[in-house]
Amino acid sequence: MNKGELIEAVARNTGESKALAEKMINETLDVIVSGVVMSGKVQITGFGTFEGRDRAARTARNPQTGEPIYVKATRVPAFKAGKGFKDAVKPG
């Protein structure tokens, strides 16, 4: 499912217009991103937790030349699924 299909499904399931569904999804995503940037974590009980994680600096290798390259430390977004989400995906 891509973003357009998500918007259509939300509009259909709520009986609202696609324009309103798109606005609500975009706002939700913006709030999640802002929450991770500002406080480091956004937790939605039963669904999961969005957070920022630090990656340490490291030495990697250029796959074409085998030459070592330095990769600087960075912060990346991460998602950990909650129990309800995991249970819904679990087979059986």
N, C-alpha and C. Protein backbone atom coordinates (compact mmCIF):
# COMPACT_ATOMS: atom_id res chain seq x y z
N MET A 1 0.85 -1.18 0.00
CA MET A 1 0.00 0.00 0.00
C MET A 1 0.90 1.24 0.00
N ASN A 2 0.63 2.15 -0.89
CA ASN A 2 1.38 3.41 -0.90
C ASN A 2 0.53 4.51 -0.26
N LYS A 3 1.06 5.72 -0.22
CA LYS A 3 0.37 6.82 0.46
C LYS A 3 -0.98 7.12 -0.19
N GLY A 4 -1.03 7.11 -1.53
CA GLY A 4 -2.30 7.37 -2.22
C GLY A 4 -3.36 6.34 -1.88
N GLU A 5 -2.96 5.08 -1.82
CA GLU A 5 -3.90 4.02 -1.46
C GLU A 5 -4.34 4.15 0.00
N LEU A 6 -3.43 4.57 0.87
CA LEU A 6 -3.77 4.80 2.27
C LEU A 6 -4.81 5.91 2.39
N ILE A 7 -4.61 6.99 1.65
CA ILE A 7 -5.56 8.11 1.66
C ILE A 7 -6.94 7.64 1.19
N GLU A 8 -6.97 6.88 0.11
CA GLU A 8 -8.25 6.36 -0.40
C GLU A 8 -8.94 5.46 0.62
N ALA A 9 -8.17 4.59 1.28
CA ALA A 9 -8.75 3.68 2.27
C ALA A 9 -9.31 4.45 3.47
N VAL A 10 -8.58 5.45 3.95
CA VAL A 10 -9.06 6.25 5.08
C VAL A 10 -10.32 7.01 4.68
N ALA A 11 -10.32 7.60 3.50
CA ALA A 11 -11.51 8.33 3.03
C ALA A 11 -12.71 7.40 2.93
N ARG A 12 -12.50 6.22 2.37
CA ARG A 12 -13.59 5.25 2.22
C ARG A 12 -14.09 4.78 3.58
N ASN A 13 -13.17 4.46 4.50
CA ASN A 13 -13.56 3.92 5.80
C ASN A 13 -14.22 4.95 6.71
N THR A 14 -13.89 6.22 6.53
CA THR A 14 -14.46 7.26 7.39
C THR A 14 -15.64 7.98 6.74
N GLY A 15 -15.80 7.81 5.42
CA GLY A 15 -16.87 8.51 4.72
C GLY A 15 -16.54 9.97 4.45
N GLU A 16 -15.30 10.36 4.66
CA GLU A 16 -14.87 11.74 4.43
C GLU A 16 -14.28 11.86 3.02
N SER A 17 -14.02 13.09 2.61
CA SER A 17 -13.43 13.32 1.29
C SER A 17 -11.97 12.90 1.28
N LYS A 18 -11.47 12.62 0.07
CA LYS A 18 -10.06 12.27 -0.06
C LYS A 18 -9.17 13.45 0.34
N ALA A 19 -9.63 14.67 0.06
CA ALA A 19 -8.85 15.86 0.41
C ALA A 19 -8.69 15.96 1.93
N LEU A 20 -9.77 15.72 2.67
CA LEU A 20 -9.69 15.78 4.14
C LEU A 20 -8.84 14.63 4.68
N ALA A 21 -9.00 13.45 4.12
CA ALA A 21 -8.20 12.31 4.56
C ALA A 21 -6.72 12.57 4.32
N GLU A 22 -6.38 13.15 3.17
CA GLU A 22 -4.98 13.46 2.87
C GLU A 22 -4.44 14.48 3.86
N LYS A 23 -5.24 15.51 4.16
CA LYS A 23 -4.80 16.53 5.11
C LYS A 23 -4.55 15.92 6.49
N MET A 24 -5.43 15.06 6.94
CA MET A 24 -5.29 14.44 8.26
C MET A 24 -4.07 13.52 8.31
N ILE A 25 -3.85 12.73 7.27
CA ILE A 25 -2.68 11.85 7.23
C ILE A 25 -1.40 12.67 7.22
N ASN A 26 -1.35 13.72 6.39
CA ASN A 26 -0.16 14.57 6.33
C ASN A 26 0.12 15.23 7.67
N GLU A 27 -0.92 15.71 8.34
CA GLU A 27 -0.75 16.34 9.65
C GLU A 27 -0.26 15.32 10.68
N THR A 28 -0.82 14.12 10.64
CA THR A 28 -0.40 13.07 11.56
C THR A 28 1.08 12.77 11.39
N LEU A 29 1.50 12.61 10.15
CA LEU A 29 2.91 12.33 9.87
C LEU A 29 3.81 13.48 10.30
N ASP A 30 3.37 14.71 10.05
CA ASP A 30 4.15 15.89 10.47
C ASP A 30 4.30 15.94 11.99
N VAL A 31 3.24 15.62 12.72
CA VAL A 31 3.29 15.63 14.18
C VAL A 31 4.23 14.54 14.69
N ILE A 32 4.21 13.37 14.06
CA ILE A 32 5.11 12.29 14.46
C ILE A 32 6.55 12.71 14.24
N VAL A 33 6.86 13.26 13.07
CA VAL A 33 8.22 13.70 12.77
C VAL A 33 8.65 14.78 13.76
N SER A 34 7.79 15.77 14.00
CA SER A 34 8.11 16.84 14.95
C SER A 34 8.33 16.29 16.35
N GLY A 35 7.51 15.33 16.74
CA GLY A 35 7.65 14.73 18.07
C GLY A 35 8.97 14.01 18.25
N VAL A 36 9.40 13.29 17.22
CA VAL A 36 10.68 12.58 17.29
C VAL A 36 11.82 13.59 17.33
N VAL A 37 11.72 14.66 16.53
CA VAL A 37 12.77 15.67 16.51
C VAL A 37 12.84 16.39 17.85
N MET A 38 11.71 16.78 18.41
CA MET A 38 11.68 17.59 19.63
C MET A 38 11.93 16.77 20.90
N SER A 39 11.23 15.66 21.05
CA SER A 39 11.32 14.91 22.31
C SER A 39 12.04 13.58 22.18
N GLY A 40 12.34 13.17 20.96
CA GLY A 40 13.08 11.93 20.77
C GLY A 40 12.23 10.70 20.61
N LYS A 41 10.93 10.78 20.96
CA LYS A 41 10.10 9.57 20.90
C LYS A 41 8.62 9.92 20.78
N VAL A 42 7.91 9.14 19.97
CA VAL A 42 6.45 9.22 19.89
C VAL A 42 5.94 7.80 20.04
N GLN A 43 5.16 7.55 21.10
CA GLN A 43 4.66 6.21 21.37
C GLN A 43 3.16 6.16 21.17
N ILE A 44 2.70 5.22 20.34
CA ILE A 44 1.28 5.00 20.11
C ILE A 44 0.98 3.60 20.64
N THR A 45 0.33 3.54 21.78
CA THR A 45 0.08 2.27 22.46
C THR A 45 -0.64 1.29 21.53
N GLY A 46 -0.12 0.08 21.47
CA GLY A 46 -0.70 -0.97 20.63
C GLY A 46 -0.21 -0.95 19.20
N PHE A 47 0.35 0.18 18.77
CA PHE A 47 0.85 0.30 17.40
C PHE A 47 2.37 0.24 17.36
N GLY A 48 3.01 1.17 18.08
CA GLY A 48 4.47 1.14 18.10
C GLY A 48 5.07 2.45 18.56
N THR A 49 6.39 2.51 18.48
CA THR A 49 7.14 3.67 18.94
C THR A 49 8.07 4.16 17.83
N PHE A 50 7.97 5.44 17.54
CA PHE A 50 8.86 6.11 16.61
C PHE A 50 9.91 6.83 17.44
N GLU A 51 11.19 6.68 17.10
CA GLU A 51 12.23 7.35 17.86
C GLU A 51 13.44 7.61 16.99
N GLY A 52 14.31 8.46 17.50
CA GLY A 52 15.58 8.70 16.85
C GLY A 52 16.66 7.87 17.54
N ARG A 53 17.53 7.27 16.75
CA ARG A 53 18.61 6.47 17.32
C ARG A 53 19.95 7.00 16.80
N ASP A 54 20.93 6.99 17.67
CA ASP A 54 22.27 7.44 17.29
C ASP A 54 23.06 6.28 16.71
N ARG A 55 23.76 6.56 15.63
CA ARG A 55 24.69 5.60 15.04
C ARG A 55 26.10 6.14 15.24
N ALA A 56 26.96 5.30 15.75
CA ALA A 56 28.34 5.70 16.01
C ALA A 56 29.12 5.83 14.70
N ALA A 57 30.17 6.62 14.75
CA ALA A 57 31.07 6.72 13.60
C ALA A 57 31.73 5.36 13.41
N ARG A 58 32.07 5.05 12.16
CA ARG A 58 32.68 3.76 11.90
C ARG A 58 33.50 3.82 10.62
N THR A 59 34.28 2.79 10.42
CA THR A 59 35.03 2.66 9.18
C THR A 59 34.35 1.59 8.35
N ALA A 60 34.07 1.90 7.10
CA ALA A 60 33.45 0.96 6.17
C ALA A 60 34.41 0.74 5.01
N ARG A 61 34.00 -0.06 4.06
CA ARG A 61 34.83 -0.31 2.89
C ARG A 61 34.08 0.02 1.61
N ASN A 62 34.78 0.67 0.68
CA ASN A 62 34.22 0.91 -0.64
C ASN A 62 34.13 -0.45 -1.34
N PRO A 63 32.92 -0.89 -1.74
CA PRO A 63 32.79 -2.23 -2.31
C PRO A 63 33.51 -2.39 -3.66
N GLN A 64 33.74 -1.30 -4.38
CA GLN A 64 34.41 -1.40 -5.67
C GLN A 64 35.92 -1.49 -5.54
N THR A 65 36.48 -0.74 -4.60
CA THR A 65 37.94 -0.69 -4.48
C THR A 65 38.46 -1.41 -3.24
N GLY A 66 37.59 -1.66 -2.27
CA GLY A 66 38.03 -2.26 -1.02
C GLY A 66 38.71 -1.27 -0.10
N GLU A 67 38.79 -0.03 -0.53
CA GLU A 67 39.44 1.02 0.23
C GLU A 67 38.60 1.41 1.45
N PRO A 68 39.21 1.56 2.63
CA PRO A 68 38.44 1.97 3.81
C PRO A 68 37.97 3.42 3.68
N ILE A 69 36.73 3.67 4.14
CA ILE A 69 36.19 5.03 4.16
C ILE A 69 35.61 5.30 5.54
N TYR A 70 35.63 6.55 5.95
CA TYR A 70 35.12 6.94 7.26
C TYR A 70 33.65 7.36 7.11
N VAL A 71 32.80 6.79 7.95
CA VAL A 71 31.38 7.16 7.99
C VAL A 71 31.16 7.86 9.32
N LYS A 72 30.74 9.14 9.28
CA LYS A 72 30.60 9.89 10.53
C LYS A 72 29.34 9.49 11.30
N ALA A 73 29.34 9.80 12.57
CA ALA A 73 28.21 9.52 13.44
C ALA A 73 26.99 10.28 12.95
N THR A 74 25.82 9.70 13.15
CA THR A 74 24.59 10.33 12.70
C THR A 74 23.42 9.89 13.56
N ARG A 75 22.30 10.53 13.38
CA ARG A 75 21.06 10.16 14.07
C ARG A 75 20.07 9.75 13.00
N VAL A 76 19.40 8.59 13.20
CA VAL A 76 18.47 8.06 12.20
C VAL A 76 17.11 7.78 12.83
N PRO A 77 16.04 7.85 12.03
CA PRO A 77 14.72 7.50 12.55
C PRO A 77 14.59 5.98 12.67
N ALA A 78 13.80 5.54 13.65
CA ALA A 78 13.57 4.11 13.85
C ALA A 78 12.14 3.89 14.31
N PHE A 79 11.62 2.69 14.05
CA PHE A 79 10.28 2.31 14.47
C PHE A 79 10.35 0.94 15.11
N LYS A 80 9.70 0.80 16.26
CA LYS A 80 9.59 -0.49 16.92
C LYS A 80 8.10 -0.80 17.06
N ALA A 81 7.69 -1.90 16.46
CA ALA A 81 6.27 -2.29 16.49
C ALA A 81 5.83 -2.65 17.89
N GLY A 82 4.59 -2.27 18.23
CA GLY A 82 4.02 -2.60 19.51
C GLY A 82 3.38 -3.98 19.50
N LYS A 83 2.96 -4.45 20.65
CA LYS A 83 2.42 -5.80 20.79
C LYS A 83 1.19 -6.02 19.90
N GLY A 84 0.28 -5.05 19.87
CA GLY A 84 -0.92 -5.20 19.04
C GLY A 84 -0.59 -5.34 17.57
N PHE A 85 0.36 -4.57 17.10
CA PHE A 85 0.79 -4.63 15.71
C PHE A 85 1.45 -5.99 15.41
N LYS A 86 2.34 -6.41 16.31
CA LYS A 86 3.03 -7.69 16.14
C LYS A 86 2.02 -8.85 16.12
N ASP A 87 1.05 -8.81 17.03
CA ASP A 87 0.06 -9.86 17.09
C ASP A 87 -0.80 -9.91 15.83
N ALA A 88 -1.10 -8.74 15.27
CA ALA A 88 -1.93 -8.69 14.06
C ALA A 88 -1.20 -9.28 12.85
N VAL A 89 0.11 -9.11 12.81
CA VAL A 89 0.93 -9.59 11.69
C VAL A 89 1.28 -11.06 11.84
N LYS A 90 1.35 -11.54 13.08
CA LYS A 90 1.75 -12.91 13.37
C LYS A 90 0.81 -13.92 12.69
N PRO A 91 1.37 -14.93 12.01
CA PRO A 91 0.50 -15.93 11.38
C PRO A 91 -0.23 -16.78 12.43
N GLY A 92 -1.41 -17.22 12.02
CA GLY A 92 -2.19 -18.11 12.90
C GLY A 92 -3.03 -17.34 13.80
